[in-house]
Amino acid sequence: MSAHETLAAQQALRSADIDAQVEALYTQLQATAVVRDQQGGHATAERQAIRDSGLLNLSIPKVWGGSGALWSDIYKAIRRLAEADSALAHVFAFHHLQVASIQQFGNAEQHARLLKATVEQQIFWGNALNPLDKRATVTECDGGFVLQGPKSYCSGSVGSDYLLASGWHAASQSAVVVVVPSTRQGVTIVADWDAFGQRQTDSGTVQFDQVQIRHDEVLQGPGVQRTPWATLRTQVSQLILTNLYLGLAQGAFDEARHQIQHHTRPSFFSTAASASQDPYVQHRIAELWLLIRPAVLVADDAARQLDTAWAVGPTLTAQQRGEVAIAVNEAKALAHKASLEVSSQFFELTGARASSQSLGLDRFWRNARVHTLHDPIDYKYRDLGRYLLDGQFPDPTPYS
C-alpha cells in the first residue's frame, strides 16, 4: 500500500470512529429534543452527554491529546447533530469555534496550556466575542487588563467553563481578545435568551464587572494587525452556520418523509391509494430534496477547501483566504434557502396532522428562521456577485 493509500485508510478509519460517536450522541439528543425545545432553558444533562461523548476534543491537535480531526469531519458531525437538535449542535459547534480561535490568535505557550487543559479537564468553551457589541471595554492595569461591560448573544455561555471574550480598546480603536474562566470574580452570566427558536443555545448576556485579565490570558492584544490566517476564523464560523442550517433542512425532510409514508392521508382530490403514491406529493418532495442535495455537496466542497487553508496555517495568503470565503458564501446561501424552504413547505405535504404540538415539527422552521437571522443573506449574494463580475474577494470582516 502506498503512503497516500495508507493515509486515506487512516482517515477513513478515523472518520468511521467519529461517526460512531456522533450517532450515539445523536440518539441521546433526539430522544428528548421535542420536550426540551418546548421547555427551553438550560439542557444540563445533554450538555454533560456532549462532554462524555469525547467529541469536544475533535478540533484539538493530537499533540495536545485531541483527535486532530479535519474540519470536514467536524462539520459533518455538527450537521448530523443538528438534524436532531440544532440548539445543542450550535453549542457543540461554538465550542469548536473557540478552540479554533485559540489556535489562530494564541501563541505557542497558550496553545500548549489551554488546549491540553481542554482535553484533560473536558473544558466546555463558551463565546463572548460578539463583534457588533462594543459595550465591553478593556483598559490597561498593573499585570494585565480590566474587562468591563456587557456582551450580548453569547452562545454557550450558560454552563461553560471558560469564555473567549472580546473588549473594545479605545486607545487603539481595536478589539482585544481574551480567555477568562466563567466563574472568575466579576463575571455574571445571565440566561436571558428568549427567542422563539434555538431556545437551548445558552446565548445569554455576559456582564463583566472589573474583571482582571492577566497578560497570558490575552490572545490578541491592542492594535494587532489581523493576518489572513487570523481572519479565517470568520470562514470557520460561517461554515458552522451553514451546516447547522443543512442539519435543520435534513431533519425536517426526514420527518416529512416519515409522516408521508406512515401517517399522512391522501388528499380528497387524489386517486392514489396512499399519500406516498400521489404524484403531486412525489413531485414536491423531490423539489425539496433538490434544495438539500446540491447545498450539501457545495458545503462539503467548502469544508475541503477550508481543510486545505487550515493546513497552511499562519502563512496563509489573502488570495487563499479569499477563495475559501467565496466557497463558504456559496454554501451558506444555498443552505440558508434550503433550511427555510424545506422546514416550511413540508407541512403542505404532510397535512394538518403534522402541525400537532405533540410532534414538535414546527421547531425546524422556528430554529431555521431564528438562526438564519445571524447576518444578512443579501450581503452574501452581493459578495458573490461582486466576485463574479469584478473578481473582488469579500472584505475580511467578522461576518465575511
Protein backbone atom coordinates (compact mmCIF):
# COMPACT_ATOMS: atom_id res chain seq x y z
CA MET A 1 0.00 0.00 0.00
CA SER A 2 1.36 3.42 -0.96
CA ALA A 3 1.81 6.27 1.54
CA HIS A 4 -1.20 8.04 0.01
CA GLU A 5 -3.35 4.92 0.32
CA THR A 6 -2.21 4.41 3.91
CA LEU A 7 -3.13 8.00 4.84
CA ALA A 8 -6.52 7.63 3.14
CA ALA A 9 -7.19 4.40 5.04
CA GLN A 10 -6.25 6.02 8.34
CA GLN A 11 -8.52 8.97 7.61
CA ALA A 12 -11.39 6.64 6.72
CA LEU A 13 -10.93 4.74 10.00
CA ARG A 14 -10.84 7.99 11.98
CA SER A 15 -13.98 9.25 10.22
CA ALA A 16 -15.75 5.96 10.99
CA ASP A 17 -14.84 6.28 14.68
CA ILE A 18 -16.14 9.85 14.76
CA ASP A 19 -19.34 8.79 13.01
CA ALA A 20 -20.00 6.15 15.66
CA GLN A 21 -19.54 8.66 18.49
CA VAL A 22 -21.77 11.18 16.71
CA GLU A 23 -24.53 8.62 16.14
CA ALA A 24 -24.56 7.68 19.82
CA LEU A 25 -24.87 11.34 20.82
CA TYR A 26 -27.46 11.97 18.10
CA THR A 27 -29.65 9.23 19.59
CA GLN A 28 -29.40 10.77 23.06
CA LEU A 29 -30.28 14.27 21.87
CA GLN A 30 -33.10 13.14 19.61
CA ALA A 31 -34.86 11.27 22.44
CA THR A 32 -35.65 14.49 24.33
CA ALA A 33 -35.40 17.14 21.61
CA VAL A 34 -39.13 17.92 21.28
CA VAL A 35 -39.78 18.26 25.01
CA ARG A 36 -36.67 20.33 25.62
CA ASP A 37 -37.44 22.64 22.72
CA GLN A 38 -40.85 23.31 24.21
CA GLN A 39 -39.43 23.89 27.68
CA GLY A 40 -36.40 25.98 26.72
CA GLY A 41 -33.84 26.72 29.40
CA HIS A 42 -30.50 25.08 30.03
CA ALA A 43 -30.00 21.46 28.95
CA THR A 44 -27.78 20.34 31.82
CA ALA A 45 -27.95 16.58 31.19
CA GLU A 46 -27.48 16.92 27.45
CA ARG A 47 -24.51 19.25 27.88
CA GLN A 48 -22.96 16.57 30.08
CA ALA A 49 -23.70 13.97 27.40
CA ILE A 50 -21.73 16.07 24.93
CA ARG A 51 -18.81 16.17 27.38
CA ASP A 52 -18.99 12.43 27.94
CA SER A 53 -19.05 11.71 24.21
CA GLY A 54 -15.42 12.78 23.79
CA LEU A 55 -16.42 14.91 20.80
CA LEU A 56 -15.29 18.15 22.45
CA ASN A 57 -11.75 17.06 21.56
CA LEU A 58 -12.33 16.77 17.81
CA SER A 59 -10.73 20.09 16.80
CA ILE A 60 -7.76 19.86 19.18
CA PRO A 61 -4.48 18.73 17.57
CA LYS A 62 -3.17 15.31 18.51
CA VAL A 63 -0.03 16.83 20.03
CA TRP A 64 -2.18 18.19 22.85
CA GLY A 65 -4.20 14.98 23.28
CA GLY A 66 -7.07 15.78 20.90
CA SER A 67 -8.43 13.92 17.91
CA GLY A 68 -6.90 16.24 15.33
CA ALA A 69 -9.97 15.80 13.14
CA LEU A 70 -10.38 17.57 9.83
CA TRP A 71 -12.91 20.38 9.64
CA SER A 72 -14.80 18.37 7.04
CA ASP A 73 -15.41 15.67 9.67
CA ILE A 74 -16.31 18.21 12.34
CA TYR A 75 -18.86 19.89 10.08
CA LYS A 76 -20.50 16.57 9.24
CA ALA A 77 -20.80 15.91 12.97
CA ILE A 78 -22.39 19.33 13.51
CA ARG A 79 -24.81 18.75 10.65
CA ARG A 80 -25.84 15.33 11.89
CA LEU A 81 -26.44 16.53 15.45
CA ALA A 82 -28.47 19.48 14.10
CA GLU A 83 -30.85 17.03 12.43
CA ALA A 84 -31.94 16.04 15.92
CA ASP A 85 -31.32 19.21 17.92
CA SER A 86 -29.93 22.32 16.25
CA ALA A 87 -29.68 24.21 19.56
CA LEU A 88 -27.32 21.73 21.21
CA ALA A 89 -25.50 21.27 17.89
CA HIS A 90 -24.95 25.05 17.96
CA VAL A 91 -23.48 24.90 21.47
CA PHE A 92 -21.25 22.00 20.43
CA ALA A 93 -20.14 23.82 17.27
CA PHE A 94 -19.35 27.07 19.03
CA HIS A 95 -17.13 25.21 21.48
CA HIS A 96 -15.04 24.20 18.47
CA LEU A 97 -15.07 27.77 17.16
CA GLN A 98 -13.43 28.93 20.39
CA VAL A 99 -10.87 26.13 20.19
CA ALA A 100 -10.07 27.21 16.64
CA SER A 101 -9.73 30.81 17.80
CA ILE A 102 -7.16 29.83 20.41
CA GLN A 103 -5.12 28.16 17.68
CA GLN A 104 -5.39 31.20 15.41
CA PHE A 105 -4.86 34.02 17.90
CA GLY A 106 -2.80 32.43 20.65
CA ASN A 107 0.94 31.85 20.93
CA ALA A 108 2.72 28.52 21.38
CA GLU A 109 2.60 28.68 25.19
CA GLN A 110 -1.13 29.43 25.14
CA HIS A 111 -1.76 26.59 22.70
CA ALA A 112 0.00 24.13 24.98
CA ARG A 113 -1.62 25.33 28.18
CA LEU A 114 -5.20 25.92 27.03
CA LEU A 115 -5.62 23.08 24.54
CA LYS A 116 -4.05 20.49 26.79
CA ALA A 117 -6.26 21.66 29.67
CA THR A 118 -9.34 21.45 27.44
CA VAL A 119 -8.67 17.76 26.85
CA GLU A 120 -7.61 16.86 30.37
CA GLN A 121 -10.39 18.80 32.14
CA GLN A 122 -13.03 18.35 29.41
CA ILE A 123 -13.45 22.12 29.29
CA PHE A 124 -16.60 23.36 27.56
CA TRP A 125 -15.92 26.71 25.90
CA GLY A 126 -18.48 29.48 25.53
CA ASN A 127 -18.49 32.54 23.30
CA ALA A 128 -18.50 36.20 24.38
CA LEU A 129 -16.89 37.61 21.26
CA ASN A 130 -19.87 39.32 19.62
CA PRO A 131 -18.05 41.82 17.35
CA LEU A 132 -21.02 44.15 16.93
CA ASP A 133 -21.39 44.68 20.67
CA LYS A 134 -18.61 47.08 21.73
CA ARG A 135 -20.06 47.90 25.15
CA ALA A 136 -17.49 45.72 26.91
CA THR A 137 -14.19 47.57 27.11
CA VAL A 138 -10.64 46.73 28.12
CA THR A 139 -8.18 49.07 29.80
CA GLU A 140 -4.61 48.51 30.92
CA CYS A 141 -3.79 47.90 34.57
CA ASP A 142 -0.85 46.53 36.51
CA GLY A 143 -0.35 42.92 35.44
CA GLY A 144 -2.76 42.98 32.50
CA PHE A 145 -6.15 44.43 31.65
CA VAL A 146 -9.56 45.10 33.16
CA LEU A 147 -12.62 43.93 31.25
CA GLN A 148 -15.76 45.95 31.93
CA GLY A 149 -19.27 45.93 30.48
CA PRO A 150 -21.87 43.61 28.90
CA LYS A 151 -21.70 41.29 25.92
CA SER A 152 -24.87 40.03 24.24
CA TYR A 153 -25.65 36.91 22.17
CA CYS A 154 -23.04 34.84 23.99
CA SER A 155 -23.68 31.35 22.62
CA GLY A 156 -22.87 28.54 25.01
CA SER A 157 -22.05 30.90 27.86
CA VAL A 158 -24.51 29.38 30.34
CA GLY A 159 -22.91 26.22 31.68
CA SER A 160 -19.50 26.96 30.16
CA ASP A 161 -16.18 26.51 31.94
CA TYR A 162 -14.26 29.17 30.03
CA LEU A 163 -15.21 32.06 27.78
CA LEU A 164 -13.48 33.52 24.78
CA ALA A 165 -14.31 37.22 25.05
CA SER A 166 -13.52 40.49 23.35
CA GLY A 167 -13.41 44.01 24.69
CA TRP A 168 -13.05 47.30 22.86
CA HIS A 169 -9.75 49.11 23.45
CA ALA A 170 -10.49 52.79 22.88
CA ALA A 171 -6.90 53.98 22.72
CA SER A 172 -6.03 51.74 19.76
CA GLN A 173 -9.56 51.55 18.34
CA SER A 174 -9.30 47.79 18.19
CA ALA A 175 -10.70 44.66 19.80
CA VAL A 176 -8.71 42.75 22.40
CA VAL A 177 -9.43 39.00 22.57
CA VAL A 178 -9.03 37.22 25.90
CA VAL A 179 -9.80 33.96 27.65
CA VAL A 180 -11.40 34.02 31.07
CA PRO A 181 -12.83 31.38 33.43
CA SER A 182 -16.62 31.60 33.52
CA THR A 183 -16.53 31.59 37.32
CA ARG A 184 -13.97 34.36 37.76
CA GLN A 185 -14.92 37.16 40.15
CA GLY A 186 -16.86 39.82 38.29
CA VAL A 187 -18.21 37.51 35.57
CA THR A 188 -22.01 37.19 35.63
CA ILE A 189 -23.76 35.05 33.00
CA VAL A 190 -27.42 35.94 32.58
CA ALA A 191 -29.75 33.38 30.96
CA ASP A 192 -31.88 35.98 29.16
CA TRP A 193 -32.04 34.43 25.66
CA ASP A 194 -35.76 34.35 24.80
CA ALA A 195 -36.04 33.90 21.01
CA PHE A 196 -38.78 31.64 19.62
CA GLY A 197 -36.15 29.35 18.09
CA GLN A 198 -32.77 27.87 19.04
CA ARG A 199 -34.10 28.04 22.56
CA GLN A 200 -31.37 25.99 24.27
CA THR A 201 -28.26 27.61 22.79
CA ASP A 202 -27.47 29.24 26.16
CA SER A 203 -26.98 32.51 24.27
CA GLY A 204 -27.41 34.85 27.20
CA THR A 205 -25.76 38.10 28.18
CA VAL A 206 -22.41 38.12 29.96
CA GLN A 207 -21.72 41.03 32.29
CA PHE A 208 -18.08 41.77 33.09
CA ASP A 209 -17.63 43.88 36.23
CA GLN A 210 -13.99 44.95 36.65
CA VAL A 211 -12.77 41.50 35.62
CA GLN A 212 -9.00 41.09 35.92
CA ILE A 213 -7.28 39.65 32.84
CA ARG A 214 -3.65 38.53 33.04
CA HIS A 215 -1.24 39.13 30.16
CA ASP A 216 -1.03 35.39 29.48
CA GLU A 217 -4.81 35.35 29.03
CA VAL A 218 -4.68 37.84 26.16
CA LEU A 219 -4.82 36.10 22.78
CA GLN A 220 -4.95 39.25 20.67
CA GLY A 221 -3.60 42.47 22.10
CA PRO A 222 -4.42 46.10 21.26
CA GLY A 223 -3.77 47.33 17.74
CA VAL A 224 -2.77 43.96 16.31
CA GLN A 225 -2.97 43.79 12.51
CA ARG A 226 -5.02 40.72 11.70
CA THR A 227 -3.50 38.38 9.13
CA PRO A 228 -5.39 36.32 6.52
CA TRP A 229 -4.84 33.35 8.85
CA ALA A 230 -6.48 35.11 11.80
CA THR A 231 -9.43 36.28 9.67
CA LEU A 232 -10.03 32.69 8.56
CA ARG A 233 -11.96 32.41 11.84
CA THR A 234 -14.90 34.02 10.07
CA GLN A 235 -14.99 31.23 7.50
CA VAL A 236 -14.85 28.62 10.26
CA SER A 237 -17.87 30.25 11.91
CA GLN A 238 -19.82 30.86 8.70
CA LEU A 239 -19.42 27.23 7.69
CA ILE A 240 -20.63 26.23 11.16
CA LEU A 241 -23.83 28.16 10.49
CA THR A 242 -24.09 26.59 7.04
CA ASN A 243 -24.03 23.08 8.43
CA LEU A 244 -26.47 23.91 11.20
CA TYR A 245 -28.88 25.13 8.51
CA LEU A 246 -28.35 21.97 6.49
CA GLY A 247 -28.95 19.79 9.54
CA LEU A 248 -32.26 21.56 10.07
CA ALA A 249 -33.21 21.06 6.42
CA GLN A 250 -32.30 17.38 6.50
CA GLY A 251 -34.06 16.82 9.82
CA ALA A 252 -37.23 18.46 8.54
CA PHE A 253 -37.06 16.45 5.32
CA ASP A 254 -36.67 13.14 7.16
CA GLU A 255 -39.62 13.95 9.42
CA ALA A 256 -41.71 14.89 6.37
CA ARG A 257 -40.87 11.64 4.62
CA HIS A 258 -41.78 9.65 7.72
CA GLN A 259 -45.11 11.44 8.07
CA ILE A 260 -45.97 10.95 4.39
CA GLN A 261 -45.06 7.27 4.47
CA HIS A 262 -46.83 6.39 7.71
CA HIS A 263 -49.41 8.98 8.74
CA THR A 264 -50.48 11.40 6.01
CA ARG A 265 -53.73 10.62 4.23
CA PRO A 266 -54.16 11.21 0.50
CA SER A 267 -55.89 14.43 -0.47
CA PHE A 268 -59.65 14.40 -1.06
CA PHE A 269 -58.88 15.05 -4.73
CA SER A 270 -56.25 12.31 -5.04
CA THR A 271 -56.88 8.95 -6.63
CA ALA A 272 -53.72 7.48 -5.09
CA ALA A 273 -54.00 4.64 -2.58
CA SER A 274 -51.61 6.43 -0.20
CA ALA A 275 -50.06 9.86 0.19
CA SER A 276 -46.64 8.49 -0.81
CA GLN A 277 -48.11 7.31 -4.14
CA ASP A 278 -49.64 10.67 -5.01
CA PRO A 279 -47.70 12.09 -8.00
CA TYR A 280 -48.05 15.65 -6.75
CA VAL A 281 -46.61 14.71 -3.35
CA GLN A 282 -43.81 12.84 -5.10
CA HIS A 283 -43.09 15.88 -7.23
CA ARG A 284 -43.00 18.26 -4.27
CA ILE A 285 -40.85 16.02 -2.07
CA ALA A 286 -38.37 15.73 -4.94
CA GLU A 287 -38.26 19.54 -5.20
CA LEU A 288 -37.42 19.78 -1.51
CA TRP A 289 -34.71 17.17 -1.83
CA LEU A 290 -33.17 19.09 -4.70
CA LEU A 291 -32.79 22.07 -2.40
CA ILE A 292 -30.83 19.97 0.10
CA ARG A 293 -28.69 17.78 -2.14
CA PRO A 294 -26.71 20.48 -4.00
CA ALA A 295 -26.38 22.53 -0.81
CA VAL A 296 -24.73 19.55 0.92
CA LEU A 297 -22.33 18.98 -1.97
CA VAL A 298 -21.29 22.63 -2.05
CA ALA A 299 -20.91 22.72 1.76
CA ASP A 300 -18.71 19.63 1.71
CA ASP A 301 -16.58 21.17 -1.04
CA ALA A 302 -16.20 24.36 1.00
CA ALA A 303 -15.16 22.27 4.02
CA ARG A 304 -12.44 20.56 1.98
CA GLN A 305 -11.17 23.94 0.84
CA LEU A 306 -11.13 25.11 4.45
CA ASP A 307 -9.18 21.99 5.43
CA THR A 308 -6.55 22.90 2.85
CA ALA A 309 -6.34 26.51 4.02
CA TRP A 310 -6.21 25.45 7.68
CA ALA A 311 -3.26 23.17 6.95
CA VAL A 312 -1.34 26.13 5.51
CA GLY A 313 -1.56 27.92 8.84
CA PRO A 314 -0.07 31.37 9.59
CA THR A 315 1.47 31.71 6.12
CA LEU A 316 -1.99 31.69 4.50
CA THR A 317 -2.24 34.34 1.79
CA ALA A 318 -5.06 36.81 1.13
CA GLN A 319 -5.72 35.01 -2.16
CA GLN A 320 -6.10 31.65 -0.45
CA ARG A 321 -8.31 33.14 2.24
CA GLY A 322 -10.47 34.83 -0.41
CA GLU A 323 -11.00 31.61 -2.32
CA VAL A 324 -12.27 29.91 0.84
CA ALA A 325 -14.57 32.87 1.54
CA ILE A 326 -16.21 32.55 -1.89
CA ALA A 327 -16.75 28.80 -1.41
CA VAL A 328 -18.26 29.37 2.03
CA ASN A 329 -20.53 32.15 0.73
CA GLU A 330 -21.86 29.82 -1.95
CA ALA A 331 -22.52 27.10 0.59
CA LYS A 332 -24.19 29.38 3.09
CA ALA A 333 -26.51 30.94 0.52
CA LEU A 334 -27.74 27.53 -0.61
CA ALA A 335 -28.08 26.20 2.94
CA HIS A 336 -29.98 29.32 4.04
CA LYS A 337 -32.59 28.75 1.35
CA ALA A 338 -32.81 25.00 1.93
CA SER A 339 -33.39 25.34 5.67
CA LEU A 340 -36.18 27.89 5.36
CA GLU A 341 -37.93 26.38 2.37
CA VAL A 342 -37.85 22.74 3.47
CA SER A 343 -38.80 23.41 7.10
CA SER A 344 -41.81 25.45 5.95
CA GLN A 345 -43.02 23.73 2.80
CA PHE A 346 -43.06 20.19 4.14
CA PHE A 347 -46.25 20.97 6.08
CA GLU A 348 -48.06 21.36 2.75
CA LEU A 349 -47.24 17.71 2.05
CA THR A 350 -47.87 16.25 5.50
CA GLY A 351 -51.16 17.99 6.28
CA ALA A 352 -52.78 19.31 9.42
CA ARG A 353 -51.94 16.24 11.49
CA ALA A 354 -48.26 17.17 11.31
CA SER A 355 -48.95 20.51 13.00
CA SER A 356 -49.77 18.79 16.30
CA GLN A 357 -47.74 20.32 19.12
CA SER A 358 -47.01 16.84 20.41
CA LEU A 359 -44.85 16.18 17.33
CA GLY A 360 -42.93 19.44 17.66
CA LEU A 361 -42.24 19.61 13.93
CA ASP A 362 -42.55 23.39 13.96
CA ARG A 363 -39.19 23.53 15.72
CA PHE A 364 -37.34 23.04 12.46
CA TRP A 365 -38.80 26.19 10.92
CA ARG A 366 -38.57 28.22 14.15
CA ASN A 367 -34.94 27.26 14.62
CA ALA A 368 -34.09 27.92 10.98
CA ARG A 369 -35.90 31.25 10.97
CA VAL A 370 -34.08 32.49 14.08
CA HIS A 371 -30.68 31.14 13.13
CA THR A 372 -30.70 32.47 9.56
CA LEU A 373 -31.02 35.98 11.00
CA HIS A 374 -27.41 35.78 12.21
CA ASP A 375 -26.17 38.03 9.41
CA PRO A 376 -27.99 39.26 6.27
CA ILE A 377 -28.01 36.79 3.40
CA ASP A 378 -28.29 39.66 0.91
CA TYR A 379 -24.67 40.58 1.60
CA LYS A 380 -23.58 37.04 0.76
CA TYR A 381 -25.21 37.43 -2.64
CA ARG A 382 -23.62 40.85 -3.01
CA ASP A 383 -20.18 39.46 -2.29
CA LEU A 384 -20.70 36.59 -4.72
CA GLY A 385 -21.98 38.91 -7.42
CA ARG A 386 -19.11 41.32 -6.92
CA TYR A 387 -16.63 38.47 -7.20
CA LEU A 388 -18.28 37.08 -10.35
CA LEU A 389 -18.35 40.47 -12.06
CA ASP A 390 -15.21 42.17 -10.76
CA GLY A 391 -13.10 39.36 -9.32
CA GLN A 392 -13.09 41.00 -5.87
CA PHE A 393 -12.92 38.76 -2.83
CA PRO A 394 -15.11 39.56 0.21
CA ASP A 395 -13.54 42.06 2.60
CA PRO A 396 -12.30 40.23 5.70
CA THR A 397 -14.74 41.11 8.49
CA PRO A 398 -16.25 39.17 11.40
CA TYR A 399 -19.07 38.21 9.01
CA SER A 400 -17.35 37.81 5.62
